[in-house]
Full PDB file with SEQRES, HELIX, SHEET, SSBOND, CRYST1, ORIGX, SCALE, CONECT and MASTER records, all heavy atoms in Angstrom:
SEQRES   1 A   32  TYR ILE ARG VAL ILE TRP ILE ALA LEU GLN PRO GLU ASP          
SEQRES   2 A   32  LYS ILE THR GLU LEU LYS GLU LYS VAL GLU ASP VAL LEU          
SEQRES   3 A   32  LYS ASP LEU PHE THR LYS                                      
HELIX    1 AA1 GLU A   12  VAL A   25  1                                  14    
CRYST1    1.000    1.000    1.000  90.00  90.00  90.00 P 1           1          
ORIGX1      1.000000  0.000000  0.000000        0.00000                         
ORIGX2      0.000000  1.000000  0.000000        0.00000                         
ORIGX3      0.000000  0.000000  1.000000        0.00000                         
SCALE1      1.000000  0.000000  0.000000        0.00000                         
SCALE2      0.000000  1.000000  0.000000        0.00000                         
SCALE3      0.000000  0.000000  1.000000        0.00000                         
ATOM      1  N   TYR A   1       0.882  -1.155   0.005  1.00  0.00           N  
ATOM      2  CA  TYR A   1      -0.006  -0.002   0.013  1.00  0.00           C  
ATOM      3  C   TYR A   1       0.923   1.217   0.010  1.00  0.00           C  
ATOM      4  O   TYR A   1       1.238   1.747   1.044  1.00  0.00           O  
ATOM      5  CB  TYR A   1      -0.936  -0.004   1.250  1.00  0.00           C  
ATOM      6  CG  TYR A   1      -1.902   1.098   1.261  1.00  0.00           C  
ATOM      7  CD1 TYR A   1      -2.989   1.130   0.408  1.00  0.00           C  
ATOM      8  CD2 TYR A   1      -1.723   2.151   2.140  1.00  0.00           C  
ATOM      9  CE1 TYR A   1      -3.899   2.199   0.389  1.00  0.00           C  
ATOM     10  CE2 TYR A   1      -2.661   3.226   2.207  1.00  0.00           C  
ATOM     11  CZ  TYR A   1      -3.704   3.270   1.335  1.00  0.00           C  
ATOM     12  OH  TYR A   1      -4.597   4.261   1.363  1.00  0.00           O  
ATOM     13  N   ILE A   2       1.275   1.648  -1.158  1.00  0.00           N  
ATOM     14  CA  ILE A   2       2.260   2.775  -1.299  1.00  0.00           C  
ATOM     15  C   ILE A   2       1.563   4.087  -1.378  1.00  0.00           C  
ATOM     16  O   ILE A   2       0.716   4.318  -2.251  1.00  0.00           O  
ATOM     17  CB  ILE A   2       3.178   2.522  -2.527  1.00  0.00           C  
ATOM     18  CG1 ILE A   2       3.943   1.194  -2.394  1.00  0.00           C  
ATOM     19  CG2 ILE A   2       4.152   3.690  -2.706  1.00  0.00           C  
ATOM     20  CD1 ILE A   2       4.678   0.773  -3.662  1.00  0.00           C  
ATOM     21  N   ARG A   3       1.949   5.002  -0.499  1.00  0.00           N  
ATOM     22  CA  ARG A   3       1.422   6.378  -0.549  1.00  0.00           C  
ATOM     23  C   ARG A   3       2.537   7.427  -0.719  1.00  0.00           C  
ATOM     24  O   ARG A   3       2.272   8.490  -1.256  1.00  0.00           O  
ATOM     25  CB  ARG A   3       0.637   6.658   0.764  1.00  0.00           C  
ATOM     26  CG  ARG A   3      -0.666   5.997   0.791  1.00  0.00           C  
ATOM     27  CD  ARG A   3      -1.612   6.650  -0.219  1.00  0.00           C  
ATOM     28  NE  ARG A   3      -2.738   5.845  -0.562  1.00  0.00           N  
ATOM     29  CZ  ARG A   3      -3.033   5.404  -1.796  1.00  0.00           C  
ATOM     30  NH1 ARG A   3      -2.209   5.578  -2.778  1.00  0.00           N  
ATOM     31  NH2 ARG A   3      -4.126   4.750  -2.062  1.00  0.00           N  
ATOM     32  N   VAL A   4       3.733   7.094  -0.310  1.00  0.00           N  
ATOM     33  CA  VAL A   4       4.867   8.025  -0.391  1.00  0.00           C  
ATOM     34  C   VAL A   4       6.090   7.297  -0.831  1.00  0.00           C  
ATOM     35  O   VAL A   4       6.361   6.199  -0.358  1.00  0.00           O  
ATOM     36  CB  VAL A   4       5.157   8.729   0.972  1.00  0.00           C  
ATOM     37  CG1 VAL A   4       6.401   9.611   0.928  1.00  0.00           C  
ATOM     38  CG2 VAL A   4       3.953   9.519   1.437  1.00  0.00           C  
ATOM     39  N   ILE A   5       6.838   7.891  -1.794  1.00  0.00           N  
ATOM     40  CA  ILE A   5       8.120   7.379  -2.228  1.00  0.00           C  
ATOM     41  C   ILE A   5       9.173   8.313  -1.654  1.00  0.00           C  
ATOM     42  O   ILE A   5       9.079   9.517  -1.799  1.00  0.00           O  
ATOM     43  CB  ILE A   5       8.236   7.342  -3.791  1.00  0.00           C  
ATOM     44  CG1 ILE A   5       7.115   6.476  -4.353  1.00  0.00           C  
ATOM     45  CG2 ILE A   5       9.611   6.842  -4.202  1.00  0.00           C  
ATOM     46  CD1 ILE A   5       6.882   6.671  -5.819  1.00  0.00           C  
ATOM     47  N   TRP A   6      10.242   7.729  -1.005  1.00  0.00           N  
ATOM     48  CA  TRP A   6      11.239   8.565  -0.349  1.00  0.00           C  
ATOM     49  C   TRP A   6      12.618   8.018  -0.543  1.00  0.00           C  
ATOM     50  O   TRP A   6      12.821   6.883  -1.002  1.00  0.00           O  
ATOM     51  CB  TRP A   6      10.929   8.712   1.126  1.00  0.00           C  
ATOM     52  CG  TRP A   6      10.648   7.458   1.866  1.00  0.00           C  
ATOM     53  CD1 TRP A   6       9.393   6.942   2.217  1.00  0.00           C  
ATOM     54  CD2 TRP A   6      11.565   6.471   2.380  1.00  0.00           C  
ATOM     55  NE1 TRP A   6       9.533   5.771   2.884  1.00  0.00           N  
ATOM     56  CE2 TRP A   6      10.814   5.452   3.034  1.00  0.00           C  
ATOM     57  CE3 TRP A   6      12.969   6.357   2.356  1.00  0.00           C  
ATOM     58  CZ2 TRP A   6      11.435   4.355   3.647  1.00  0.00           C  
ATOM     59  CZ3 TRP A   6      13.565   5.277   2.992  1.00  0.00           C  
ATOM     60  CH2 TRP A   6      12.820   4.299   3.601  1.00  0.00           C  
ATOM     61  N   ILE A   7      13.619   8.887  -0.198  1.00  0.00           N  
ATOM     62  CA  ILE A   7      15.008   8.502  -0.149  1.00  0.00           C  
ATOM     63  C   ILE A   7      15.471   8.756   1.262  1.00  0.00           C  
ATOM     64  O   ILE A   7      15.205   9.768   1.875  1.00  0.00           O  
ATOM     65  CB  ILE A   7      15.857   9.245  -1.161  1.00  0.00           C  
ATOM     66  CG1 ILE A   7      17.295   8.773  -1.188  1.00  0.00           C  
ATOM     67  CG2 ILE A   7      15.817  10.754  -0.949  1.00  0.00           C  
ATOM     68  CD1 ILE A   7      18.118   9.214  -2.387  1.00  0.00           C  
ATOM     69  N   ALA A   8      16.148   7.726   1.836  1.00  0.00           N  
ATOM     70  CA  ALA A   8      16.662   7.827   3.214  1.00  0.00           C  
ATOM     71  C   ALA A   8      17.958   8.631   3.239  1.00  0.00           C  
ATOM     72  O   ALA A   8      18.647   8.740   2.210  1.00  0.00           O  
ATOM     73  CB  ALA A   8      16.897   6.447   3.782  1.00  0.00           C  
ATOM     74  N   LEU A   9      18.263   9.205   4.381  1.00  0.00           N  
ATOM     75  CA  LEU A   9      19.496   9.938   4.583  1.00  0.00           C  
ATOM     76  C   LEU A   9      20.289   9.324   5.691  1.00  0.00           C  
ATOM     77  O   LEU A   9      19.714   8.777   6.666  1.00  0.00           O  
ATOM     78  CB  LEU A   9      19.219  11.439   4.907  1.00  0.00           C  
ATOM     79  CG  LEU A   9      18.543  12.238   3.867  1.00  0.00           C  
ATOM     80  CD1 LEU A   9      18.339  13.665   4.346  1.00  0.00           C  
ATOM     81  CD2 LEU A   9      19.325  12.270   2.562  1.00  0.00           C  
ATOM     82  N   GLN A  10      21.588   9.419   5.637  1.00  0.00           N  
ATOM     83  CA  GLN A  10      22.477   8.934   6.665  1.00  0.00           C  
ATOM     84  C   GLN A  10      23.420  10.089   7.056  1.00  0.00           C  
ATOM     85  O   GLN A  10      23.685  10.939   6.240  1.00  0.00           O  
ATOM     86  CB  GLN A  10      23.323   7.738   6.146  1.00  0.00           C  
ATOM     87  CG  GLN A  10      22.575   6.501   5.942  1.00  0.00           C  
ATOM     88  CD  GLN A  10      22.013   5.915   7.212  1.00  0.00           C  
ATOM     89  OE1 GLN A  10      22.575   6.105   8.302  1.00  0.00           O  
ATOM     90  NE2 GLN A  10      20.939   5.224   7.133  1.00  0.00           N  
ATOM     91  N   PRO A  11      23.910  10.201   8.242  1.00  0.00           N  
ATOM     92  CA  PRO A  11      23.737   9.287   9.365  1.00  0.00           C  
ATOM     93  C   PRO A  11      22.426   9.592  10.084  1.00  0.00           C  
ATOM     94  O   PRO A  11      22.196  10.628  10.585  1.00  0.00           O  
ATOM     95  CB  PRO A  11      24.949   9.557  10.273  1.00  0.00           C  
ATOM     96  CG  PRO A  11      25.230  11.024  10.020  1.00  0.00           C  
ATOM     97  CD  PRO A  11      24.843  11.286   8.585  1.00  0.00           C  
ATOM     98  N   GLU A  12      21.566   8.571  10.108  1.00  0.00           N  
ATOM     99  CA  GLU A  12      20.250   8.733  10.665  1.00  0.00           C  
ATOM    100  C   GLU A  12      20.311   9.087  12.154  1.00  0.00           C  
ATOM    101  O   GLU A  12      19.495   9.856  12.642  1.00  0.00           O  
ATOM    102  CB  GLU A  12      19.355   7.484  10.434  1.00  0.00           C  
ATOM    103  CG  GLU A  12      17.957   7.705  10.807  1.00  0.00           C  
ATOM    104  CD  GLU A  12      16.969   6.704  10.272  1.00  0.00           C  
ATOM    105  OE1 GLU A  12      17.364   5.599   9.836  1.00  0.00           O  
ATOM    106  OE2 GLU A  12      15.777   7.052  10.256  1.00  0.00           O  
ATOM    107  N   ASP A  13      21.270   8.516  12.865  1.00  0.00           N  
ATOM    108  CA  ASP A  13      21.353   8.822  14.307  1.00  0.00           C  
ATOM    109  C   ASP A  13      21.614  10.335  14.542  1.00  0.00           C  
ATOM    110  O   ASP A  13      21.031  10.909  15.459  1.00  0.00           O  
ATOM    111  CB  ASP A  13      22.413   7.962  15.031  1.00  0.00           C  
ATOM    112  CG  ASP A  13      23.812   8.120  14.480  1.00  0.00           C  
ATOM    113  OD1 ASP A  13      24.022   8.534  13.276  1.00  0.00           O  
ATOM    114  OD2 ASP A  13      24.766   7.828  15.210  1.00  0.00           O  
ATOM    115  N   LYS A  14      22.468  10.957  13.783  1.00  0.00           N  
ATOM    116  CA  LYS A  14      22.784  12.404  13.969  1.00  0.00           C  
ATOM    117  C   LYS A  14      21.607  13.259  13.572  1.00  0.00           C  
ATOM    118  O   LYS A  14      21.300  14.241  14.201  1.00  0.00           O  
ATOM    119  CB  LYS A  14      24.013  12.798  13.178  1.00  0.00           C  
ATOM    120  CG  LYS A  14      25.314  12.285  13.736  1.00  0.00           C  
ATOM    121  CD  LYS A  14      25.594  12.992  15.030  1.00  0.00           C  
ATOM    122  CE  LYS A  14      26.899  12.647  15.635  1.00  0.00           C  
ATOM    123  NZ  LYS A  14      27.045  13.133  16.984  1.00  0.00           N  
ATOM    124  N   ILE A  15      20.913  12.850  12.484  1.00  0.00           N  
ATOM    125  CA  ILE A  15      19.733  13.588  12.064  1.00  0.00           C  
ATOM    126  C   ILE A  15      18.640  13.485  13.100  1.00  0.00           C  
ATOM    127  O   ILE A  15      17.994  14.483  13.437  1.00  0.00           O  
ATOM    128  CB  ILE A  15      19.277  13.110  10.652  1.00  0.00           C  
ATOM    129  CG1 ILE A  15      20.358  13.335   9.605  1.00  0.00           C  
ATOM    130  CG2 ILE A  15      17.941  13.793  10.242  1.00  0.00           C  
ATOM    131  CD1 ILE A  15      20.143  12.591   8.267  1.00  0.00           C  
ATOM    132  N   THR A  16      18.471  12.331  13.677  1.00  0.00           N  
ATOM    133  CA  THR A  16      17.477  12.088  14.737  1.00  0.00           C  
ATOM    134  C   THR A  16      17.849  12.908  15.948  1.00  0.00           C  
ATOM    135  O   THR A  16      16.989  13.482  16.611  1.00  0.00           O  
ATOM    136  CB  THR A  16      17.405  10.600  15.103  1.00  0.00           C  
ATOM    137  OG1 THR A  16      17.043   9.875  13.931  1.00  0.00           O  
ATOM    138  CG2 THR A  16      16.406  10.326  16.216  1.00  0.00           C  
ATOM    139  N   GLU A  17      19.150  13.005  16.232  1.00  0.00           N  
ATOM    140  CA  GLU A  17      19.604  13.846  17.378  1.00  0.00           C  
ATOM    141  C   GLU A  17      19.205  15.328  17.176  1.00  0.00           C  
ATOM    142  O   GLU A  17      18.739  15.981  18.082  1.00  0.00           O  
ATOM    143  CB  GLU A  17      21.140  13.690  17.487  1.00  0.00           C  
ATOM    144  CG  GLU A  17      21.686  14.072  18.809  1.00  0.00           C  
ATOM    145  CD  GLU A  17      23.234  13.863  18.837  1.00  0.00           C  
ATOM    146  OE1 GLU A  17      23.688  12.805  18.383  1.00  0.00           O  
ATOM    147  OE2 GLU A  17      23.915  14.774  19.346  1.00  0.00           O  
ATOM    148  N   LEU A  18      19.363  15.820  15.933  1.00  0.00           N  
ATOM    149  CA  LEU A  18      18.980  17.189  15.616  1.00  0.00           C  
ATOM    150  C   LEU A  18      17.432  17.310  15.824  1.00  0.00           C  
ATOM    151  O   LEU A  18      16.973  18.312  16.357  1.00  0.00           O  
ATOM    152  CB  LEU A  18      19.418  17.563  14.239  1.00  0.00           C  
ATOM    153  CG  LEU A  18      18.995  18.974  13.732  1.00  0.00           C  
ATOM    154  CD1 LEU A  18      19.461  20.088  14.713  1.00  0.00           C  
ATOM    155  CD2 LEU A  18      19.494  19.226  12.319  1.00  0.00           C  
ATOM    156  N   LYS A  19      16.699  16.368  15.273  1.00  0.00           N  
ATOM    157  CA  LYS A  19      15.274  16.382  15.436  1.00  0.00           C  
ATOM    158  C   LYS A  19      14.852  16.422  16.888  1.00  0.00           C  
ATOM    159  O   LYS A  19      13.994  17.211  17.282  1.00  0.00           O  
ATOM    160  CB  LYS A  19      14.628  15.171  14.751  1.00  0.00           C  
ATOM    161  CG  LYS A  19      13.121  15.204  14.803  1.00  0.00           C  
ATOM    162  CD  LYS A  19      12.544  13.827  14.918  1.00  0.00           C  
ATOM    163  CE  LYS A  19      11.055  13.707  14.959  1.00  0.00           C  
ATOM    164  NZ  LYS A  19      10.209  14.867  15.005  1.00  0.00           N  
ATOM    165  N   GLU A  20      15.548  15.656  17.736  1.00  0.00           N  
ATOM    166  CA  GLU A  20      15.266  15.636  19.159  1.00  0.00           C  
ATOM    167  C   GLU A  20      15.559  16.997  19.812  1.00  0.00           C  
ATOM    168  O   GLU A  20      14.797  17.394  20.715  1.00  0.00           O  
ATOM    169  CB  GLU A  20      16.107  14.552  19.868  1.00  0.00           C  
ATOM    170  CG  GLU A  20      15.627  13.143  19.585  1.00  0.00           C  
ATOM    171  CD  GLU A  20      14.175  12.872  20.002  1.00  0.00           C  
ATOM    172  OE1 GLU A  20      13.795  13.312  21.093  1.00  0.00           O  
ATOM    173  OE2 GLU A  20      13.459  12.202  19.236  1.00  0.00           O  
ATOM    174  N   LYS A  21      16.608  17.699  19.388  1.00  0.00           N  
ATOM    175  CA  LYS A  21      16.875  19.025  19.896  1.00  0.00           C  
ATOM    176  C   LYS A  21      15.732  19.974  19.568  1.00  0.00           C  
ATOM    177  O   LYS A  21      15.312  20.768  20.431  1.00  0.00           O  
ATOM    178  CB  LYS A  21      18.164  19.606  19.311  1.00  0.00           C  
ATOM    179  CG  LYS A  21      19.443  18.843  19.704  1.00  0.00           C  
ATOM    180  CD  LYS A  21      20.198  19.656  20.753  1.00  0.00           C  
ATOM    181  CE  LYS A  21      21.472  18.937  21.036  1.00  0.00           C  
ATOM    182  NZ  LYS A  21      22.113  19.455  22.152  1.00  0.00           N  
ATOM    183  N   VAL A  22      15.207  19.880  18.342  1.00  0.00           N  
ATOM    184  CA  VAL A  22      14.054  20.683  17.923  1.00  0.00           C  
ATOM    185  C   VAL A  22      12.839  20.349  18.821  1.00  0.00           C  
ATOM    186  O   VAL A  22      12.188  21.260  19.313  1.00  0.00           O  
ATOM    187  CB  VAL A  22      13.717  20.471  16.447  1.00  0.00           C  
ATOM    188  CG1 VAL A  22      12.405  21.129  16.083  1.00  0.00           C  
ATOM    189  CG2 VAL A  22      14.863  21.014  15.545  1.00  0.00           C  
ATOM    190  N   GLU A  23      12.587  19.044  18.994  1.00  0.00           N  
ATOM    191  CA  GLU A  23      11.468  18.610  19.817  1.00  0.00           C  
ATOM    192  C   GLU A  23      11.619  19.115  21.248  1.00  0.00           C  
ATOM    193  O   GLU A  23      10.652  19.606  21.859  1.00  0.00           O  
ATOM    194  CB  GLU A  23      11.438  17.055  19.860  1.00  0.00           C  
ATOM    195  CG  GLU A  23      11.025  16.423  18.558  1.00  0.00           C  
ATOM    196  CD  GLU A  23       9.550  16.320  18.295  1.00  0.00           C  
ATOM    197  OE1 GLU A  23       8.770  16.943  19.033  1.00  0.00           O  
ATOM    198  OE2 GLU A  23       9.186  15.651  17.328  1.00  0.00           O  
ATOM    199  N   ASP A  24      12.845  19.051  21.798  1.00  0.00           N  
ATOM    200  CA  ASP A  24      13.059  19.486  23.172  1.00  0.00           C  
ATOM    201  C   ASP A  24      12.758  20.958  23.404  1.00  0.00           C  
ATOM    202  O   ASP A  24      12.120  21.304  24.389  1.00  0.00           O  
ATOM    203  CB  ASP A  24      14.507  19.177  23.607  1.00  0.00           C  
ATOM    204  CG  ASP A  24      14.698  17.649  23.867  1.00  0.00           C  
ATOM    205  OD1 ASP A  24      13.726  16.895  23.911  1.00  0.00           O  
ATOM    206  OD2 ASP A  24      15.868  17.249  23.985  1.00  0.00           O  
ATOM    207  N   VAL A  25      13.251  21.800  22.522  1.00  0.00           N  
ATOM    208  CA  VAL A  25      13.054  23.266  22.697  1.00  0.00           C  
ATOM    209  C   VAL A  25      11.575  23.670  22.512  1.00  0.00           C  
ATOM    210  O   VAL A  25      11.162  24.700  23.023  1.00  0.00           O  
ATOM    211  CB  VAL A  25      14.002  24.165  21.860  1.00  0.00           C  
ATOM    212  CG1 VAL A  25      15.445  23.866  22.167  1.00  0.00           C  
ATOM    213  CG2 VAL A  25      13.724  24.044  20.377  1.00  0.00           C  
ATOM    214  N   LEU A  26      10.834  22.856  21.781  1.00  0.00           N  
ATOM    215  CA  LEU A  26       9.393  23.177  21.510  1.00  0.00           C  
ATOM    216  C   LEU A  26       8.454  22.334  22.339  1.00  0.00           C  
ATOM    217  O   LEU A  26       7.237  22.431  22.161  1.00  0.00           O  
ATOM    218  CB  LEU A  26       9.123  22.980  20.021  1.00  0.00           C  
ATOM    219  CG  LEU A  26       9.899  23.907  19.043  1.00  0.00           C  
ATOM    220  CD1 LEU A  26       9.596  23.536  17.637  1.00  0.00           C  
ATOM    221  CD2 LEU A  26       9.608  25.353  19.325  1.00  0.00           C  
ATOM    222  N   LYS A  27       8.955  21.554  23.301  1.00  0.00           N  
ATOM    223  CA  LYS A  27       8.122  20.597  24.030  1.00  0.00           C  
ATOM    224  C   LYS A  27       6.948  21.232  24.809  1.00  0.00           C  
ATOM    225  O   LYS A  27       5.923  20.627  24.982  1.00  0.00           O  
ATOM    226  CB  LYS A  27       8.954  19.714  24.941  1.00  0.00           C  
ATOM    227  CG  LYS A  27       9.593  20.436  26.090  1.00  0.00           C  
ATOM    228  CD  LYS A  27      10.452  19.475  26.901  1.00  0.00           C  
ATOM    229  CE  LYS A  27      11.181  20.311  27.948  1.00  0.00           C  
ATOM    230  NZ  LYS A  27      12.422  19.718  28.350  1.00  0.00           N  
ATOM    231  N   ASP A  28       7.103  22.481  25.209  1.00  0.00           N  
ATOM    232  CA  ASP A  28       6.022  23.114  25.926  1.00  0.00           C  
ATOM    233  C   ASP A  28       4.994  23.749  25.004  1.00  0.00           C  
ATOM    234  O   ASP A  28       3.957  24.224  25.458  1.00  0.00           O  
ATOM    235  CB  ASP A  28       6.533  24.136  26.969  1.00  0.00           C  
ATOM    236  CG  ASP A  28       7.411  25.241  26.320  1.00  0.00           C  
ATOM    237  OD1 ASP A  28       7.979  24.989  25.242  1.00  0.00           O  
ATOM    238  OD2 ASP A  28       7.529  26.335  26.900  1.00  0.00           O  
ATOM    239  N   LEU A  29       5.257  23.743  23.739  1.00  0.00           N  
ATOM    240  CA  LEU A  29       4.325  24.287  22.732  1.00  0.00           C  
ATOM    241  C   LEU A  29       3.657  23.271  21.847  1.00  0.00           C  
ATOM    242  O   LEU A  29       2.526  23.514  21.375  1.00  0.00           O  
ATOM    243  CB  LEU A  29       5.036  25.286  21.818  1.00  0.00           C  
ATOM    244  CG  LEU A  29       5.715  26.500  22.467  1.00  0.00           C  
ATOM    245  CD1 LEU A  29       6.466  27.330  21.436  1.00  0.00           C  
ATOM    246  CD2 LEU A  29       4.634  27.362  23.150  1.00  0.00           C  
ATOM    247  N   PHE A  30       4.355  22.152  21.584  1.00  0.00           N  
ATOM    248  CA  PHE A  30       3.882  21.135  20.644  1.00  0.00           C  
ATOM    249  C   PHE A  30       4.093  19.734  21.195  1.00  0.00           C  
ATOM    250  O   PHE A  30       5.022  19.475  21.912  1.00  0.00           O  
ATOM    251  CB  PHE A  30       4.612  21.262  19.293  1.00  0.00           C  
ATOM    252  CG  PHE A  30       4.381  22.562  18.612  1.00  0.00           C  
ATOM    253  CD1 PHE A  30       5.349  23.593  18.786  1.00  0.00           C  
ATOM    254  CD2 PHE A  30       3.272  22.773  17.816  1.00  0.00           C  
ATOM    255  CE1 PHE A  30       5.122  24.833  18.149  1.00  0.00           C  
ATOM    256  CE2 PHE A  30       3.082  23.992  17.231  1.00  0.00           C  
ATOM    257  CZ  PHE A  30       3.998  25.064  17.403  1.00  0.00           C  
ATOM    258  N   THR A  31       3.222  18.816  20.784  1.00  0.00           N  
ATOM    259  CA  THR A  31       3.366  17.413  21.162  1.00  0.00           C  
ATOM    260  C   THR A  31       4.560  16.802  20.447  1.00  0.00           C  
ATOM    261  O   THR A  31       4.780  17.071  19.293  1.00  0.00           O  
ATOM    262  CB  THR A  31       2.064  16.638  20.752  1.00  0.00           C  
ATOM    263  OG1 THR A  31       0.945  17.334  21.296  1.00  0.00           O  
ATOM    264  CG2 THR A  31       2.069  15.207  21.256  1.00  0.00           C  
ATOM    265  N   LYS A  32       5.248  15.957  21.173  1.00  0.00           N  
ATOM    266  CA  LYS A  32       6.394  15.275  20.624  1.00  0.00           C  
ATOM    267  C   LYS A  32       5.904  14.243  19.623  1.00  0.00           C  
ATOM    268  O   LYS A  32       4.925  13.493  19.922  1.00  0.00           O  
ATOM    269  CB  LYS A  32       7.221  14.615  21.710  1.00  0.00           C  
ATOM    270  CG  LYS A  32       8.550  14.064  21.239  1.00  0.00           C  
ATOM    271  CD  LYS A  32       9.413  13.650  22.370  1.00  0.00           C  
ATOM    272  CE  LYS A  32      10.721  13.129  21.847  1.00  0.00           C  
ATOM    273  NZ  LYS A  32      11.649  12.738  22.870  1.00  0.00           N  
TER     274      LYS A  32                                                      
MASTER        0    0    0    1    0    0    0    6  273    1    0    3          
END                                                                             
């Protein structure tokens, strides 16, 4: 059941870490 075609990026762990920083600073305004 395909709805989106994508390309993955590496290093996923570092990108996820940046995403977590964004989530952390906005945690009192938006749901994680």
